[in-house]
Amino acid sequence: MYGNLKRGEDTEQMGVIDWANWNTGRFPELKLLFHIPNGGKRDAREAARFKAMGVKAGVPDLCLPVPRRGYAGLYIEIKYGKNTTTAKQKEWIKALKEQGYKAVVCNGGVEAAKELETYLLGTPTILISSAKEKLEKLKK
């Protein structure tokens, strides 16, 4: 599927991005889906540079900053096989939920794509700041 890459979390996530790219006609909001590059092997110098730039351990893999179903947006942590969430990932997921986001762990790309589809089929969330801005425009 992706050259000689061994199937794992990376290739599962690539499959989700492929699915998203194929489905932007149905769900234009998928153009906003992005990966948070926190994982991967880095040498000490590059890791220090990324940390200085704000990279934080445990942040979920994917973010869809689209409010739906009463949530402010969706974060997805992708796992594959026997991999499980780390303590830092659990902390981030809990904190994101406390801030009004839907944050989930999906086992594989198919589950993640289904999560995205179900989420996007939901009713848009009206955020207070957006509603206030619209009211201000109407007053003018």
C-alpha atoms as a PDB file:
ATOM      1  CA  MET A   1       0.000   0.000   0.000  1.00  0.00           C
ATOM      2  CA  TYR A   2       2.782   2.463   0.926  1.00  0.00           C
ATOM      3  CA  GLY A   3       5.851   1.001  -0.715  1.00  0.00           C
ATOM      4  CA  ASN A   4       7.962  -1.075   1.592  1.00  0.00           C
ATOM      5  CA  LEU A   5       6.586   0.418   4.803  1.00  0.00           C
ATOM      6  CA  LYS A   6       5.656  -2.066   7.485  1.00  0.00           C
ATOM      7  CA  ARG A   7       2.002  -1.859   8.453  1.00  0.00           C
ATOM      8  CA  GLY A   8       1.609   0.075  11.676  1.00  0.00           C
ATOM      9  CA  GLU A   9       0.210   3.274  13.129  1.00  0.00           C
ATOM     10  CA  ASP A  10       1.903   5.391  10.453  1.00  0.00           C
ATOM     11  CA  THR A  11       0.427   3.456   7.527  1.00  0.00           C
ATOM     12  CA  GLU A  12      -2.982   3.305   9.216  1.00  0.00           C
ATOM     13  CA  GLN A  13      -2.914   7.088   9.568  1.00  0.00           C
ATOM     14  CA  MET A  14      -1.831   7.469   5.937  1.00  0.00           C
ATOM     15  CA  GLY A  15      -4.892   5.436   5.007  1.00  0.00           C
ATOM     16  CA  VAL A  16      -7.112   7.798   7.012  1.00  0.00           C
ATOM     17  CA  ILE A  17      -5.627  10.791   5.206  1.00  0.00           C
ATOM     18  CA  ASP A  18      -6.185   9.035   1.859  1.00  0.00           C
ATOM     19  CA  TRP A  19      -9.802   8.383   2.878  1.00  0.00           C
ATOM     20  CA  ALA A  20     -10.196  12.040   3.906  1.00  0.00           C
ATOM     21  CA  ASN A  21      -8.761  13.270   0.607  1.00  0.00           C
ATOM     22  CA  TRP A  22     -11.162  11.029  -1.329  1.00  0.00           C
ATOM     23  CA  ASN A  23     -14.129  12.258   0.725  1.00  0.00           C
ATOM     24  CA  THR A  24     -13.629  16.043   0.635  1.00  0.00           C
ATOM     25  CA  GLY A  25     -16.367  16.296  -1.987  1.00  0.00           C
ATOM     26  CA  ARG A  26     -18.802  14.763   0.485  1.00  0.00           C
ATOM     27  CA  PHE A  27     -17.315  16.474   3.537  1.00  0.00           C
ATOM     28  CA  PRO A  28     -15.440  19.682   2.546  1.00  0.00           C
ATOM     29  CA  GLU A  29     -14.496  20.123   6.222  1.00  0.00           C
ATOM     30  CA  LEU A  30     -12.025  17.257   5.819  1.00  0.00           C
ATOM     31  CA  LYS A  31      -9.711  19.775   4.126  1.00  0.00           C
ATOM     32  CA  LEU A  32      -9.089  21.036   7.688  1.00  0.00           C
ATOM     33  CA  LEU A  33      -7.948  17.634   9.004  1.00  0.00           C
ATOM     34  CA  PHE A  34      -4.289  17.695   9.973  1.00  0.00           C
ATOM     35  CA  HIS A  35      -1.606  15.612  11.643  1.00  0.00           C
ATOM     36  CA  ILE A  36       0.209  16.760  14.757  1.00  0.00           C
ATOM     37  CA  PRO A  37       3.840  15.654  14.272  1.00  0.00           C
ATOM     38  CA  ASN A  38       4.700  14.659  17.836  1.00  0.00           C
ATOM     39  CA  GLY A  39       5.833  11.097  17.287  1.00  0.00           C
ATOM     40  CA  GLY A  40       8.713   9.612  15.411  1.00  0.00           C
ATOM     41  CA  LYS A  41      12.385   9.034  15.998  1.00  0.00           C
ATOM     42  CA  ARG A  42      14.540  12.143  16.162  1.00  0.00           C
ATOM     43  CA  ASP A  43      18.109  12.812  17.133  1.00  0.00           C
ATOM     44  CA  ALA A  44      18.675  14.846  20.314  1.00  0.00           C
ATOM     45  CA  ARG A  45      19.275  18.134  18.468  1.00  0.00           C
ATOM     46  CA  GLU A  46      16.109  17.858  16.383  1.00  0.00           C
ATOM     47  CA  ALA A  47      14.057  16.730  19.409  1.00  0.00           C
ATOM     48  CA  ALA A  48      15.274  19.784  21.354  1.00  0.00           C
ATOM     49  CA  ARG A  49      14.364  22.064  18.436  1.00  0.00           C
ATOM     50  CA  PHE A  50      10.878  20.557  18.168  1.00  0.00           C
ATOM     51  CA  LYS A  51      10.378  20.896  21.930  1.00  0.00           C
ATOM     52  CA  ALA A  52      11.398  24.569  21.717  1.00  0.00           C
ATOM     53  CA  MET A  53       8.839  24.968  18.918  1.00  0.00           C
ATOM     54  CA  GLY A  54       6.071  23.654  21.180  1.00  0.00           C
ATOM     55  CA  VAL A  55       5.864  19.935  20.439  1.00  0.00           C
ATOM     56  CA  LYS A  56       4.408  18.156  23.454  1.00  0.00           C
ATOM     57  CA  ALA A  57       4.330  14.452  24.212  1.00  0.00           C
ATOM     58  CA  GLY A  58       0.938  12.786  24.190  1.00  0.00           C
ATOM     59  CA  VAL A  59      -0.970  15.092  21.839  1.00  0.00           C
ATOM     60  CA  PRO A  60      -3.292  12.983  19.641  1.00  0.00           C
ATOM     61  CA  ASP A  61      -2.285  12.217  16.053  1.00  0.00           C
ATOM     62  CA  LEU A  62      -5.057  13.979  14.137  1.00  0.00           C
ATOM     63  CA  CYS A  63      -7.124  17.100  14.664  1.00  0.00           C
ATOM     64  CA  LEU A  64     -10.288  18.157  12.885  1.00  0.00           C
ATOM     65  CA  PRO A  65     -11.057  21.729  14.059  1.00  0.00           C
ATOM     66  CA  VAL A  66     -14.716  21.524  13.070  1.00  0.00           C
ATOM     67  CA  PRO A  67     -17.434  21.896  15.718  1.00  0.00           C
ATOM     68  CA  ARG A  68     -20.066  19.130  15.601  1.00  0.00           C
ATOM     69  CA  ARG A  69     -22.353  17.186  17.920  1.00  0.00           C
ATOM     70  CA  GLY A  70     -21.882  19.628  20.802  1.00  0.00           C
ATOM     71  CA  TYR A  71     -18.083  19.449  20.603  1.00  0.00           C
ATOM     72  CA  ALA A  72     -15.585  22.156  19.669  1.00  0.00           C
ATOM     73  CA  GLY A  73     -13.634  19.774  17.418  1.00  0.00           C
ATOM     74  CA  LEU A  74     -12.325  16.227  17.118  1.00  0.00           C
ATOM     75  CA  TYR A  75      -8.970  14.730  18.073  1.00  0.00           C
ATOM     76  CA  ILE A  76      -8.034  11.173  17.129  1.00  0.00           C
ATOM     77  CA  GLU A  77      -5.229   9.048  18.518  1.00  0.00           C
ATOM     78  CA  ILE A  78      -4.580   6.101  16.210  1.00  0.00           C
ATOM     79  CA  LYS A  79      -3.330   2.809  17.587  1.00  0.00           C
ATOM     80  CA  TYR A  80      -2.625  -0.391  15.728  1.00  0.00           C
ATOM     81  CA  GLY A  81      -2.206  -3.964  16.824  1.00  0.00           C
ATOM     82  CA  LYS A  82      -1.192  -4.345  20.447  1.00  0.00           C
ATOM     83  CA  ASN A  83      -0.138  -0.707  20.891  1.00  0.00           C
ATOM     84  CA  THR A  84      -1.899   1.123  23.720  1.00  0.00           C
ATOM     85  CA  THR A  85      -2.115   4.724  24.853  1.00  0.00           C
ATOM     86  CA  THR A  86       0.663   6.132  27.010  1.00  0.00           C
ATOM     87  CA  ALA A  87       0.076   7.966  30.279  1.00  0.00           C
ATOM     88  CA  LYS A  88       0.771  11.298  28.495  1.00  0.00           C
ATOM     89  CA  GLN A  89      -1.743  10.452  25.754  1.00  0.00           C
ATOM     90  CA  LYS A  90      -4.381   9.614  28.363  1.00  0.00           C
ATOM     91  CA  GLU A  91      -3.686  12.954  30.092  1.00  0.00           C
ATOM     92  CA  TRP A  92      -4.096  14.866  26.823  1.00  0.00           C
ATOM     93  CA  ILE A  93      -7.297  13.049  25.893  1.00  0.00           C
ATOM     94  CA  LYS A  94      -8.773  13.789  29.326  1.00  0.00           C
ATOM     95  CA  ALA A  95      -7.730  17.465  29.160  1.00  0.00           C
ATOM     96  CA  LEU A  96      -9.125  17.893  25.639  1.00  0.00           C
ATOM     97  CA  LYS A  97     -12.455  16.403  26.712  1.00  0.00           C
ATOM     98  CA  GLU A  98     -12.554  18.830  29.648  1.00  0.00           C
ATOM     99  CA  GLN A  99     -12.158  21.684  27.133  1.00  0.00           C
ATOM    100  CA  GLY A 100     -15.137  20.574  25.052  1.00  0.00           C
ATOM    101  CA  TYR A 101     -13.427  18.490  22.376  1.00  0.00           C
ATOM    102  CA  LYS A 102     -14.263  14.983  21.349  1.00  0.00           C
ATOM    103  CA  ALA A 103     -11.056  13.014  21.814  1.00  0.00           C
ATOM    104  CA  VAL A 104     -10.971   9.335  20.939  1.00  0.00           C
ATOM    105  CA  VAL A 105      -8.578   6.449  20.494  1.00  0.00           C
ATOM    106  CA  CYS A 106      -9.182   4.425  17.337  1.00  0.00           C
ATOM    107  CA  ASN A 107      -7.733   1.008  16.663  1.00  0.00           C
ATOM    108  CA  GLY A 108      -6.673   1.345  13.048  1.00  0.00           C
ATOM    109  CA  GLY A 109      -7.533   3.488  10.093  1.00  0.00           C
ATOM    110  CA  VAL A 110     -10.935   1.989   9.326  1.00  0.00           C
ATOM    111  CA  GLU A 111     -12.170   2.809  12.816  1.00  0.00           C
ATOM    112  CA  ALA A 112     -10.739   6.342  12.550  1.00  0.00           C
ATOM    113  CA  ALA A 113     -12.428   6.940   9.171  1.00  0.00           C
ATOM    114  CA  LYS A 114     -15.758   5.744  10.607  1.00  0.00           C
ATOM    115  CA  GLU A 115     -15.287   8.092  13.572  1.00  0.00           C
ATOM    116  CA  LEU A 116     -14.669  11.017  11.214  1.00  0.00           C
ATOM    117  CA  GLU A 117     -17.691  10.168   9.077  1.00  0.00           C
ATOM    118  CA  THR A 118     -20.033   9.786  12.052  1.00  0.00           C
ATOM    119  CA  TYR A 119     -18.731  13.018  13.565  1.00  0.00           C
ATOM    120  CA  LEU A 120     -19.199  15.013  10.364  1.00  0.00           C
ATOM    121  CA  LEU A 121     -22.717  13.693   9.834  1.00  0.00           C
ATOM    122  CA  GLY A 122     -23.671  15.317  13.139  1.00  0.00           C
ATOM    123  CA  THR A 123     -25.322  18.664  13.674  1.00  0.00           C
ATOM    124  CA  PRO A 124     -22.927  21.630  13.697  1.00  0.00           C
ATOM    125  CA  THR A 125     -22.132  23.017  17.124  1.00  0.00           C
ATOM    126  CA  ILE A 126     -22.864  26.687  17.591  1.00  0.00           C
ATOM    127  CA  LEU A 127     -19.955  28.152  19.486  1.00  0.00           C
ATOM    128  CA  ILE A 128     -20.682  31.148  21.694  1.00  0.00           C
ATOM    129  CA  SER A 129     -17.942  33.319  20.193  1.00  0.00           C
ATOM    130  CA  SER A 130     -19.146  32.574  16.660  1.00  0.00           C
ATOM    131  CA  ALA A 131     -22.736  33.373  17.628  1.00  0.00           C
ATOM    132  CA  LYS A 132     -21.640  36.651  19.247  1.00  0.00           C
ATOM    133  CA  GLU A 133     -19.698  37.641  16.116  1.00  0.00           C
ATOM    134  CA  LYS A 134     -22.713  36.924  13.905  1.00  0.00           C
ATOM    135  CA  LEU A 135     -24.958  39.002  16.179  1.00  0.00           C
ATOM    136  CA  GLU A 136     -22.508  41.904  16.071  1.00  0.00           C
ATOM    137  CA  LYS A 137     -22.498  41.787  12.253  1.00  0.00           C
ATOM    138  CA  LEU A 138     -26.299  41.824  12.182  1.00  0.00           C
ATOM    139  CA  LYS A 139     -26.379  44.888  14.443  1.00  0.00           C
ATOM    140  CA  LYS A 140     -24.189  46.889  12.035  1.00  0.00           C
END
